[in-house]
Amino acid sequence: MLTGRCLCGEVTYELAGDLIATAVCHCDHCQRQSGGAFSVNLVAHESQLTVNGELRTYEETGERGDAVYVRRRFCGSCGSPIVSELAL
């Protein structure tokens, strides 16, 4: 089981079970979200994740702005990114 928390400690999470994959993404959106040259992502089923605390959400849309393709969820107090949910 993987556990973690945001910078201020208001949001905690647990990820149970085996990961589907790990990925490193260098796209512009992940660079902006991480503040670096890439983001490292753990891929799992939504049912494996338990989050305690209040998250805020930023919804990214496609280039035409017509459909949400990723929801980036983060701590509303300190801004730490917690989870990104892909619309598959």
C-alpha atoms as a PDB file:
ATOM      1  CA  MET A   1       0.000   0.000   0.000  1.00  0.00           C
ATOM      2  CA  LEU A   2       1.247   3.463  -0.907  1.00  0.00           C
ATOM      3  CA  THR A   3       0.364   6.379   1.350  1.00  0.00           C
ATOM      4  CA  GLY A   4       0.983  10.088   1.144  1.00  0.00           C
ATOM      5  CA  ARG A   5      -0.232  13.564   1.946  1.00  0.00           C
ATOM      6  CA  CYS A   6      -0.189  17.099   0.653  1.00  0.00           C
ATOM      7  CA  LEU A   7       2.278  19.717   1.912  1.00  0.00           C
ATOM      8  CA  CYS A   8      -0.053  21.096   4.601  1.00  0.00           C
ATOM      9  CA  GLY A   9      -1.386  17.675   5.684  1.00  0.00           C
ATOM     10  CA  GLU A  10      -5.073  18.466   5.103  1.00  0.00           C
ATOM     11  CA  VAL A  11      -5.333  15.790   2.385  1.00  0.00           C
ATOM     12  CA  THR A  12      -4.082  12.228   2.822  1.00  0.00           C
ATOM     13  CA  TYR A  13      -4.356   9.282   0.464  1.00  0.00           C
ATOM     14  CA  GLU A  14      -3.865   5.528   0.264  1.00  0.00           C
ATOM     15  CA  LEU A  15      -3.385   3.490  -2.891  1.00  0.00           C
ATOM     16  CA  ALA A  16      -4.111  -0.214  -2.404  1.00  0.00           C
ATOM     17  CA  GLY A  17      -3.224  -3.118  -4.681  1.00  0.00           C
ATOM     18  CA  ASP A  18      -0.945  -3.427  -7.659  1.00  0.00           C
ATOM     19  CA  LEU A  19      -0.351  -0.572 -10.072  1.00  0.00           C
ATOM     20  CA  ILE A  20      -1.420  -0.942 -13.685  1.00  0.00           C
ATOM     21  CA  ALA A  21       1.639   1.019 -14.818  1.00  0.00           C
ATOM     22  CA  THR A  22       3.962   3.903 -14.115  1.00  0.00           C
ATOM     23  CA  ALA A  23       4.548   6.621 -16.675  1.00  0.00           C
ATOM     24  CA  VAL A  24       6.647   9.713 -17.227  1.00  0.00           C
ATOM     25  CA  CYS A  25       4.862  12.416 -19.214  1.00  0.00           C
ATOM     26  CA  HIS A  26       6.617  15.350 -20.893  1.00  0.00           C
ATOM     27  CA  CYS A  27       3.529  17.058 -22.378  1.00  0.00           C
ATOM     28  CA  ASP A  28       3.066  20.813 -21.868  1.00  0.00           C
ATOM     29  CA  HIS A  29       0.160  20.286 -19.469  1.00  0.00           C
ATOM     30  CA  CYS A  30       2.069  17.899 -17.198  1.00  0.00           C
ATOM     31  CA  GLN A  31       5.091  20.216 -17.237  1.00  0.00           C
ATOM     32  CA  ARG A  32       2.913  23.134 -16.097  1.00  0.00           C
ATOM     33  CA  GLN A  33       1.164  21.057 -13.442  1.00  0.00           C
ATOM     34  CA  SER A  34       4.403  19.665 -12.012  1.00  0.00           C
ATOM     35  CA  GLY A  35       6.537  22.780 -12.413  1.00  0.00           C
ATOM     36  CA  GLY A  36       9.264  20.661 -14.007  1.00  0.00           C
ATOM     37  CA  ALA A  37      10.319  19.039 -17.259  1.00  0.00           C
ATOM     38  CA  PHE A  38       7.977  16.063 -16.710  1.00  0.00           C
ATOM     39  CA  SER A  39       5.582  14.406 -14.280  1.00  0.00           C
ATOM     40  CA  VAL A  40       5.813  10.880 -12.918  1.00  0.00           C
ATOM     41  CA  ASN A  41       2.437   9.136 -12.844  1.00  0.00           C
ATOM     42  CA  LEU A  42       1.176   6.010 -11.118  1.00  0.00           C
ATOM     43  CA  VAL A  43      -1.665   4.378 -13.046  1.00  0.00           C
ATOM     44  CA  ALA A  44      -4.337   2.557 -11.022  1.00  0.00           C
ATOM     45  CA  HIS A  45      -8.075   1.933 -10.936  1.00  0.00           C
ATOM     46  CA  GLU A  46     -10.124   4.632  -9.217  1.00  0.00           C
ATOM     47  CA  SER A  47     -11.435   2.029  -6.751  1.00  0.00           C
ATOM     48  CA  GLN A  48      -7.879   1.500  -5.448  1.00  0.00           C
ATOM     49  CA  LEU A  49      -7.545   5.103  -4.234  1.00  0.00           C
ATOM     50  CA  THR A  50      -8.884   6.445  -0.938  1.00  0.00           C
ATOM     51  CA  VAL A  51      -8.577  10.189  -0.366  1.00  0.00           C
ATOM     52  CA  ASN A  52      -9.311  11.917   2.939  1.00  0.00           C
ATOM     53  CA  GLY A  53      -9.747  15.677   2.914  1.00  0.00           C
ATOM     54  CA  GLU A  54     -11.224  18.199   0.538  1.00  0.00           C
ATOM     55  CA  LEU A  55      -9.917  18.388  -3.011  1.00  0.00           C
ATOM     56  CA  ARG A  56     -10.428  21.137  -5.568  1.00  0.00           C
ATOM     57  CA  THR A  57     -10.640  20.294  -9.262  1.00  0.00           C
ATOM     58  CA  TYR A  58      -9.296  21.845 -12.451  1.00  0.00           C
ATOM     59  CA  GLU A  59     -10.858  20.397 -15.613  1.00  0.00           C
ATOM     60  CA  GLU A  60      -8.752  20.437 -18.772  1.00  0.00           C
ATOM     61  CA  THR A  61     -10.540  20.339 -22.098  1.00  0.00           C
ATOM     62  CA  GLY A  62      -9.411  19.319 -25.557  1.00  0.00           C
ATOM     63  CA  GLU A  63      -8.004  21.833 -28.016  1.00  0.00           C
ATOM     64  CA  ARG A  64     -11.505  22.710 -29.240  1.00  0.00           C
ATOM     65  CA  GLY A  65     -12.716  23.142 -25.659  1.00  0.00           C
ATOM     66  CA  ASP A  66     -15.588  20.739 -26.225  1.00  0.00           C
ATOM     67  CA  ALA A  67     -14.842  17.862 -23.837  1.00  0.00           C
ATOM     68  CA  VAL A  68     -13.079  17.350 -20.530  1.00  0.00           C
ATOM     69  CA  TYR A  69     -10.174  14.932 -20.948  1.00  0.00           C
ATOM     70  CA  VAL A  70      -8.474  15.170 -17.539  1.00  0.00           C
ATOM     71  CA  ARG A  71      -9.530  16.327 -14.096  1.00  0.00           C
ATOM     72  CA  ARG A  72      -6.564  17.482 -12.031  1.00  0.00           C
ATOM     73  CA  ARG A  73      -7.424  17.296  -8.330  1.00  0.00           C
ATOM     74  CA  PHE A  74      -5.389  19.109  -5.699  1.00  0.00           C
ATOM     75  CA  CYS A  75      -5.452  20.287  -2.080  1.00  0.00           C
ATOM     76  CA  GLY A  76      -7.532  23.458  -1.833  1.00  0.00           C
ATOM     77  CA  SER A  77      -5.306  24.849   0.917  1.00  0.00           C
ATOM     78  CA  CYS A  78      -1.712  24.317  -0.260  1.00  0.00           C
ATOM     79  CA  GLY A  79      -2.251  23.442  -3.941  1.00  0.00           C
ATOM     80  CA  SER A  80      -0.393  20.112  -3.859  1.00  0.00           C
ATOM     81  CA  PRO A  81      -1.442  17.922  -6.806  1.00  0.00           C
ATOM     82  CA  ILE A  82      -2.985  14.668  -5.551  1.00  0.00           C
ATOM     83  CA  VAL A  83      -4.602  12.837  -8.470  1.00  0.00           C
ATOM     84  CA  SER A  84      -5.382  13.277 -12.160  1.00  0.00           C
ATOM     85  CA  GLU A  85      -8.441  11.470 -13.502  1.00  0.00           C
ATOM     86  CA  LEU A  86      -8.455  10.700 -17.217  1.00  0.00           C
ATOM     87  CA  ALA A  87     -11.708  10.591 -19.151  1.00  0.00           C
ATOM     88  CA  LEU A  88     -11.197   7.452 -21.216  1.00  0.00           C
END
